[in-house]
Protein backbone atom coordinates (compact mmCIF):
# COMPACT_ATOMS: atom_id res chain seq x y z
CA MET A 1 64.21 130.01 102.91
CA THR A 2 61.84 127.29 101.70
CA THR A 3 62.68 123.60 101.87
CA THR A 4 62.51 123.47 98.08
CA LEU A 5 65.09 126.23 97.75
CA ARG A 6 67.39 124.59 100.30
CA LYS A 7 67.26 121.29 98.42
CA LEU A 8 67.94 123.03 95.14
CA ILE A 9 71.01 124.84 96.48
CA ALA A 10 72.31 121.68 98.12
CA GLY A 11 72.06 119.89 94.79
CA CYS A 12 74.19 122.48 93.00
CA CYS A 13 77.53 121.65 94.57
CA GLY A 14 79.40 118.86 96.22
CA SER A 15 80.56 115.47 95.09
CA TRP A 16 78.89 112.59 93.36
CA ARG A 17 79.18 108.89 93.90
CA LEU A 18 78.77 106.13 91.38
CA GLU A 19 75.77 104.18 92.60
CA SER A 20 74.93 102.69 89.21
CA LYS A 21 76.01 102.74 85.59
CA ALA A 22 74.20 106.02 85.05
CA VAL A 23 76.54 108.80 86.15
CA VAL A 24 74.63 111.89 87.29
CA PRO A 25 76.60 114.43 89.36
CA GLU A 26 74.70 115.81 92.32
CA ARG A 27 75.28 119.30 91.01
CA ASP A 28 73.13 118.40 88.00
CA ARG A 29 70.11 117.56 90.13
CA CYS A 30 68.70 121.04 89.54
CA ARG A 31 68.09 120.01 85.91
CA HIS A 32 65.63 117.41 87.08
CA PHE A 33 63.37 119.85 88.94
CA THR A 34 60.39 120.54 86.66
CA ALA A 35 57.08 122.29 86.89
CA ASP A 36 55.45 118.93 87.58
CA HIS A 37 57.28 118.79 90.92
CA MET A 38 56.37 122.35 91.88
CA LYS A 39 52.71 123.05 91.45
CA LYS A 40 52.38 125.97 93.83
CA PRO A 41 53.29 129.53 92.72
CA TYR A 42 55.76 130.12 95.56
CA LYS A 43 57.63 126.98 94.55
CA ASN A 44 57.93 128.29 91.00
CA GLN A 45 59.39 131.50 92.38
CA ALA A 46 61.76 129.50 94.58
CA LEU A 47 62.84 127.53 91.54
CA LYS A 48 63.74 130.72 89.67
CA TRP A 49 65.72 132.08 92.59
CA GLY A 50 67.37 128.75 93.23
CA SER A 51 68.27 128.22 89.58
CA ALA A 52 69.96 131.61 89.41
CA LEU A 53 71.81 130.95 92.66
CA CYS A 54 72.76 127.48 91.48
CA LEU A 55 74.36 128.86 88.33
CA GLY A 56 76.19 131.48 90.37
CA LEU A 57 77.50 128.94 92.85
CA LEU A 58 78.69 126.64 90.08
CA ALA A 59 80.50 129.50 88.37
CA ILE A 60 82.21 130.46 91.65
CA GLN A 61 83.11 126.86 92.45
CA ARG A 62 84.47 126.24 88.95
CA GLY A 63 86.69 129.29 89.25
CA ALA A 64 87.87 128.50 92.77
CA ALA A 65 88.41 124.73 92.54
CA GLU A 66 91.99 124.15 91.41
CA PHE A 67 92.04 120.49 92.43
CA VAL A 68 89.74 117.49 92.16
CA GLU A 69 89.79 114.40 94.38
CA ILE A 70 89.00 111.06 92.76
CA ALA A 71 88.52 107.72 94.51
CA ALA A 72 88.85 104.74 92.19
CA GLU A 73 89.60 101.04 91.92
CA ILE A 74 91.55 99.11 89.31
CA GLU A 75 90.91 95.42 88.77
CA LEU A 76 94.20 94.01 87.49
CA ILE A 77 95.24 90.65 86.14
CA SER A 78 98.76 89.75 85.01
CA HIS A 79 100.72 86.69 83.97
CA ARG A 80 103.88 85.71 82.13
CA VAL A 81 103.58 85.49 78.36
CA GLY A 82 103.77 81.99 76.90
CA GLU A 83 103.12 80.24 80.20
CA THR A 84 99.78 78.48 79.71
CA ASN A 85 99.48 77.49 83.35
CA ASP A 86 100.23 81.04 84.50
CA ALA A 87 97.53 82.49 82.27
CA ALA A 88 94.97 79.93 83.41
CA SER A 89 95.74 80.32 87.09
CA ALA A 90 96.16 84.12 87.14
CA LYS A 91 93.87 85.73 89.70
CA PRO A 92 92.67 89.33 89.55
CA ARG A 93 93.54 91.75 92.33
CA THR A 94 91.95 95.08 93.15
CA ILE A 95 94.02 98.22 93.62
CA SER A 96 92.31 101.01 95.57
CA LEU A 97 93.49 104.59 95.14
CA VAL A 98 92.73 108.21 95.90
CA CYS A 99 94.02 110.86 93.51
CA ILE A 100 94.06 114.64 93.98
CA THR A 101 94.79 116.26 90.64
CA GLY A 102 95.34 119.76 89.27
CA THR A 103 97.05 121.34 86.29
CA ASN A 104 100.55 121.40 87.82
CA GLU A 105 100.36 119.30 90.99
CA TRP A 106 98.99 115.91 91.93
CA ARG A 107 98.99 113.28 94.67
CA ILE A 108 98.14 109.57 94.41
CA ASP A 109 97.72 107.22 97.40
CA ASN A 110 97.33 103.52 96.61
CA ASP A 111 97.68 100.02 98.06
CA PHE A 112 99.57 98.56 95.09
CA VAL A 113 102.51 97.48 97.27
CA GLN A 114 101.00 94.81 99.48
CA GLY A 115 101.80 95.17 103.15
CA ALA A 116 102.73 98.84 102.86
CA GLU A 117 101.21 102.32 102.63
CA GLU A 118 102.44 104.04 99.47
CA LYS A 119 101.88 107.66 98.45
CA TRP A 120 103.08 109.74 95.51
CA LEU A 121 103.21 113.52 95.09
CA PHE A 122 104.27 116.02 92.43
CA ASP A 123 104.56 119.59 93.73
CA GLY A 124 105.45 121.24 90.44
CA THR A 125 109.20 120.72 90.94
CA ASN A 126 109.87 117.32 92.50
CA VAL A 127 108.25 113.90 92.60
CA TYR A 128 108.00 112.30 96.05
CA ASN A 129 107.25 108.66 96.84
CA SER A 130 106.70 107.62 100.45
CA LEU A 131 106.59 104.03 101.63
CA ARG A 132 105.64 102.87 105.11
CA ILE A 133 105.68 99.16 105.86
CA SER A 134 102.49 98.16 107.69
CA GLU A 135 102.86 94.38 107.78
CA PRO A 136 105.54 91.78 106.99
CA LEU A 137 106.66 91.93 103.36
CA SER A 138 107.28 88.97 101.12
CA ASP A 139 110.91 88.19 100.28
CA GLU A 140 110.23 89.28 96.68
CA THR A 141 108.88 92.68 97.76
CA ARG A 142 111.72 93.24 100.24
CA ASP A 143 114.29 92.44 97.55
CA LYS A 144 112.53 94.86 95.14
CA ILE A 145 112.64 97.69 97.69
CA ALA A 146 116.28 97.00 98.53
CA LYS A 147 117.26 96.91 94.85
CA THR A 148 115.46 100.19 94.12
CA SER A 149 116.60 102.18 97.16
CA GLY A 150 119.80 100.52 98.32
CA LEU A 151 118.20 100.09 101.74
CA ALA A 152 117.88 96.81 103.60
CA THR A 153 114.47 96.12 105.15
CA VAL A 154 113.67 94.33 108.39
CA PRO A 155 110.50 92.50 109.40
CA ALA A 156 107.66 94.83 110.44
CA GLU A 157 107.46 93.34 113.93
CA ARG A 158 111.09 94.38 114.58
CA ALA A 159 111.03 97.69 112.76
CA LYS A 160 110.41 101.04 114.44
CA PRO A 161 107.69 103.26 112.95
CA THR A 162 109.58 104.48 109.90
CA LEU A 163 108.83 106.26 106.67
CA THR A 164 111.01 106.09 103.58
CA ILE A 165 110.65 109.00 101.15
CA TYR A 166 112.20 109.01 97.69
CA ILE A 167 112.74 112.36 95.95
CA TRP A 168 113.76 113.22 92.42
CA GLY A 169 113.50 116.32 90.29
CA SER A 170 110.90 116.34 87.54
CA ARG A 171 110.11 119.18 85.16
CA ASP A 172 107.10 117.44 83.62
CA GLY A 173 105.50 115.59 86.54
CA HIS A 174 105.60 112.00 85.31
CA PRO A 175 106.06 109.70 88.35
CA LEU A 176 108.28 107.15 86.57
CA GLY A 177 106.95 104.70 89.14
CA ASP A 178 105.16 101.36 89.00
CA LEU A 179 101.83 100.36 87.53
CA GLY A 180 100.02 101.36 90.72
CA VAL A 181 100.82 105.04 90.14
CA ASN A 182 101.55 105.17 86.39
CA ILE A 183 98.04 104.11 85.34
CA PRO A 184 96.17 106.52 87.70
CA TRP A 185 98.54 109.29 86.63
CA LEU A 186 97.76 108.57 82.96
CA ALA A 187 94.01 108.51 83.61
CA PHE A 188 93.70 111.55 85.91
CA CYS A 189 96.89 113.68 85.90
CA SER A 190 98.60 113.51 82.50
CA GLY A 191 96.88 116.34 80.59
CA THR A 192 99.60 118.96 81.08
CA TYR A 193 102.35 116.43 80.29
CA LEU A 194 100.67 115.26 77.09
CA ARG A 195 100.49 118.83 75.76
CA ARG A 196 104.22 119.35 76.24
CA GLU A 197 106.12 119.57 72.96
CA GLY A 198 108.37 116.59 72.28
CA ARG A 199 107.06 114.46 75.14
CA LEU A 200 107.19 110.68 75.05
CA VAL A 201 104.65 108.49 76.85
CA PRO A 202 106.52 105.98 79.03
CA LEU A 203 105.42 102.36 79.13
CA PRO A 204 103.03 102.28 82.14
CA ALA A 205 103.22 98.70 83.42
CA GLY A 206 106.65 98.38 84.97
CA MET A 207 109.07 99.72 87.57
CA LEU A 208 110.16 102.55 85.30
CA HIS A 209 113.26 103.54 87.25
CA ASN A 210 114.53 100.06 86.41
CA THR A 211 112.97 99.66 82.95
CA ARG A 212 115.37 100.12 80.06
CA ASP A 213 112.78 100.48 77.28
CA ARG A 214 110.50 102.88 79.18
CA PHE A 215 110.69 105.57 76.43
CA ALA A 216 111.02 103.21 73.47
CA TYR A 217 107.57 103.66 71.92
CA THR A 218 105.75 106.05 69.64
CA ASP A 219 102.23 106.96 70.68
CA LYS A 220 98.84 107.70 69.20
CA THR A 221 96.90 109.81 71.69
CA GLU A 222 93.46 111.41 71.59
CA SER A 223 92.54 113.78 74.42
CA PHE A 224 89.35 115.35 75.74
CA PRO A 225 88.72 118.77 74.11
CA ASP A 226 88.99 120.85 77.30
CA ALA A 227 91.62 122.83 79.17
CA PHE A 228 92.61 119.87 81.35
CA GLY A 229 93.23 117.59 78.36
CA LEU A 230 93.14 114.09 79.85
CA PRO A 231 93.55 111.27 77.32
CA GLN A 232 90.65 109.33 75.84
CA ILE A 233 92.86 106.90 73.93
CA VAL A 234 96.57 106.13 74.25
CA GLU A 235 98.33 103.50 72.17
CA LEU A 236 102.07 102.76 72.19
CA PHE A 237 103.89 101.14 69.27
CA THR A 238 107.39 99.70 68.87
CA SER A 239 110.05 101.94 67.32
CA ARG A 240 113.61 100.90 66.56
CA SER A 241 115.04 104.40 66.87
CA LEU A 242 113.26 105.15 70.15
CA TYR A 243 114.26 101.75 71.53
CA GLN A 244 117.90 102.50 70.79
CA ALA A 245 117.63 105.97 72.35
CA SER A 246 115.80 104.73 75.45
CA GLU A 247 118.34 101.98 76.10
CA ASP A 248 121.28 104.33 75.55
CA ASP A 249 119.80 106.96 77.88
CA PHE A 250 119.20 104.32 80.55
CA ASP A 251 122.82 103.13 80.31
CA LYS A 252 124.07 106.70 80.61
CA GLU A 253 121.84 107.38 83.61
CA SER A 254 123.00 104.15 85.27
CA PHE A 255 126.73 104.78 84.57
CA PHE A 256 126.93 101.63 82.39
CA GLY A 257 128.86 103.29 79.59
CA ASP A 258 128.86 101.17 76.41
CA ARG A 259 128.64 97.87 78.29
CA TYR A 260 125.39 96.91 76.54
CA ALA A 261 125.83 98.89 73.31
CA GLU A 262 126.29 95.89 71.03
CA SER A 263 123.41 93.85 72.43
CA THR A 264 121.14 96.90 72.28
CA LYS A 265 122.02 97.53 68.66
CA LYS A 266 121.39 93.89 67.81
CA THR A 267 118.00 93.83 69.54
CA ALA A 268 116.93 97.09 67.91
CA SER A 269 117.69 95.68 64.45
CA THR A 270 115.32 92.74 65.06
CA LEU A 271 112.36 94.79 66.30
CA GLN A 272 109.36 95.01 64.02
CA GLU A 273 108.17 98.59 63.67
CA GLY A 274 104.69 99.62 64.73
CA ILE A 275 103.65 96.66 66.89
CA LEU A 276 100.97 97.62 69.42
CA THR A 277 102.44 97.21 72.90
CA PHE A 278 100.08 99.20 75.15
CA HIS A 279 96.46 100.31 74.83
CA TYR A 280 94.36 102.57 77.06
CA ALA A 281 90.81 103.71 76.33
CA VAL A 282 88.08 105.55 78.22
CA ALA A 283 84.76 103.70 78.21
CA GLU A 284 82.71 106.18 80.27
CA SER A 285 83.36 109.75 81.39
CA THR A 286 81.80 112.74 83.13
CA ASN A 287 82.26 116.50 83.04
CA PHE A 288 83.04 117.82 86.51
CA LEU A 289 83.53 121.56 87.01
CA GLY A 290 84.31 121.99 83.34
CA TRP A 291 86.90 119.20 83.13
CA ASN A 292 86.31 115.77 81.58
CA PHE A 293 87.30 112.78 83.70
CA PRO A 294 87.11 109.07 82.90
CA THR A 295 84.74 107.12 85.13
CA LYS A 296 85.58 103.79 83.52
CA PHE A 297 88.66 102.87 81.52
CA GLU A 298 90.44 99.76 80.29
CA PHE A 299 94.05 99.01 79.42
CA PHE A 300 96.38 96.21 78.46
CA GLN A 301 100.11 95.86 77.95
CA ASN A 302 101.62 93.04 75.92
CA GLY A 303 104.75 91.20 76.96
CA ARG A 304 108.16 92.08 75.45
CA ASN A 305 110.35 89.01 75.18
CA TYR A 306 113.26 91.18 74.02
CA GLU A 307 113.46 92.96 77.39
CA GLN A 308 114.68 91.47 80.68
CA ASN A 309 111.65 90.75 82.91
CA GLY A 310 109.46 92.26 80.21
CA ASP A 311 107.60 89.06 79.31
CA TRP A 312 104.49 89.94 81.35
CA PHE A 313 100.98 90.62 80.10
CA TYR A 314 98.78 93.08 82.02
CA HIS A 315 95.10 93.83 81.69
CA GLY A 316 93.06 96.14 83.89
CA ILE A 317 89.74 97.93 84.24
CA GLY A 318 89.49 101.12 86.26
CA ARG A 319 86.29 102.46 87.81
CA VAL A 320 85.80 105.77 89.59
CA LYS A 321 83.85 105.52 92.85
CA SER A 322 83.54 109.21 93.70
CA ILE A 323 84.74 112.63 92.61
CA ARG A 324 84.66 115.99 94.39
CA PRO A 325 86.44 119.35 94.61
CA SER A 326 89.58 119.29 96.75
CA ALA A 327 92.09 121.51 98.46
CA LYS A 328 95.75 121.54 97.45
CA PRO A 329 97.33 118.11 98.11
CA GLU A 330 99.26 117.81 101.36
CA GLY A 331 102.92 116.83 101.51
CA LEU A 332 104.16 113.36 102.39
CA PHE A 333 106.54 114.18 105.24
CA VAL A 334 105.57 113.05 108.76
CA PRO A 335 108.06 114.52 111.28
CA SER A 336 106.67 112.38 114.10
CA LEU A 337 108.02 109.27 112.35
CA GLN A 338 111.60 108.22 111.74
CA GLN A 339 112.11 109.43 108.18
CA THR A 340 114.73 108.05 105.82
CA ILE A 341 115.21 110.13 102.68
CA VAL A 342 116.52 108.64 99.43
CA ASP A 343 117.33 111.82 97.51
CA TRP A 344 117.99 111.39 93.78
CA ARG A 345 118.29 115.12 93.14
CA PHE A 346 122.05 114.80 93.68
CA ARG A 347 124.28 113.39 90.97
CA ASP A 348 127.99 113.23 90.17
CA SER A 349 128.85 111.38 86.96
CA THR A 350 132.57 111.22 87.66
CA ALA A 351 132.12 109.59 91.06
CA LYS A 352 129.09 107.65 89.77
CA VAL A 353 126.89 108.92 92.58
CA ASP A 354 123.23 109.25 91.61
CA GLY A 355 121.72 110.07 95.02
CA ILE A 356 122.25 110.32 98.75
CA ILE A 357 120.51 108.74 101.74
CA TYR A 358 119.96 110.51 105.05
CA THR A 359 117.49 110.83 107.92
CA SER A 360 115.30 113.87 108.48
CA THR A 361 112.90 115.31 111.05
CA ASN A 362 111.64 118.03 108.71
CA GLY A 363 108.12 118.36 107.41
CA PHE A 364 109.42 119.37 103.98
CA ALA A 365 112.22 118.71 101.50
CA SER A 366 115.19 121.01 101.93
CA PRO A 367 116.47 122.65 98.71
CA THR A 368 119.50 121.09 97.08
CA ASN A 369 121.67 124.10 97.98
CA ASP A 370 121.04 123.56 101.68
CA PRO A 371 124.48 123.53 103.38
CA SER A 372 123.71 120.38 105.33
CA LEU A 373 122.66 118.46 102.19
CA GLN A 374 125.64 119.79 100.26
CA SER A 375 127.90 118.49 103.03
CA LYS A 376 126.24 115.07 102.86
CA PHE A 377 126.56 115.02 99.07
CA LYS A 378 130.27 115.89 99.29
CA ALA A 379 130.80 113.03 101.77
CA TRP A 380 129.06 110.58 99.43
CA VAL A 381 131.19 111.69 96.47
CA GLU A 382 134.40 111.40 98.51
CA ARG A 383 133.41 107.95 99.77
CA ALA A 384 132.69 106.79 96.21
CA ALA A 385 136.06 108.11 95.05
CA ARG A 386 137.87 106.16 97.81
CA GLN A 387 136.02 102.98 96.94
CA LYS A 388 136.91 103.45 93.29
CA ALA A 389 140.56 103.91 94.19
CA VAL A 390 140.59 100.76 96.35
CA ALA A 391 138.95 98.76 93.56
CA LYS A 392 141.85 99.61 91.25
């Protein structure tokens, strides 16, 4: 095989990296071989053979590659709305991430939570979120973790090597996480979700498990015209009816009953319809193995003074550093570590139990009908019932 042919074949497949503003996948290098570069007859013959082989390899790779791995960075700046000093002193931070995406599964690893390793996975049935503390957390971050999971945290220097994994069922694959996963999910994983009939696009910048107005907005979305269907533009607008529904659903999920019904109704009546709250747009993109992916995107989210802790403005720019074919994403369980599982697949409305916490040495999530988990769930329900009785 000639050197020319080897180079041509090597240029057909593999990943590309963004070295400059001009995005040229390595697999497209064969387009840049011309007769000017190959003046000898045998090189022309090699070009013909190589071109045919290149097309064949690309067709095989496109058919075989079910997942794509994307490395990217997001430059984010945020500040409270109305605070002049906050806006002037706000400093940007860079979030690094690696995303493996397919039509029905995805995984996103990021460093959004400072001082911890955080990973997210959707396996087609459940969403998993693993968190491993790698250095001492700030008091604010520790309080946030404790409030979300119900678990107390200890300083990293006193903690054993532990891994906390959160699990909840999801039929559509939205992470319902924080900005560090919601924005990458929207950019690289949301195509299947956006095609689902009746879907709502949740507000991306927020801890959505604790955000009452997460589904309170209508959307205007334009997607790439391919089978993967990632969005090119997403805009979210205020809606009184959706605000009311989102708040009511949150109260039901949180066992609040009608505690906030009156205040919700009052706030909904004062909302102005159709106010732009969130904007996402692709600035640059590339076609990789037949799917369109953003290589640069920008977003902002305006503050909502009608929502508790909602008065924050966010602005970010995302840039893809590399993209390549990938194998199926691996799971998040690490049996060699001490694993604490916060399992939100279990729920009992009467006892007001919305999850259970247990330790595990497994390398996978047991099904909800597992006898051991059912026994744990029963114990949690009974404990909640006793506490309720004592409170009376």
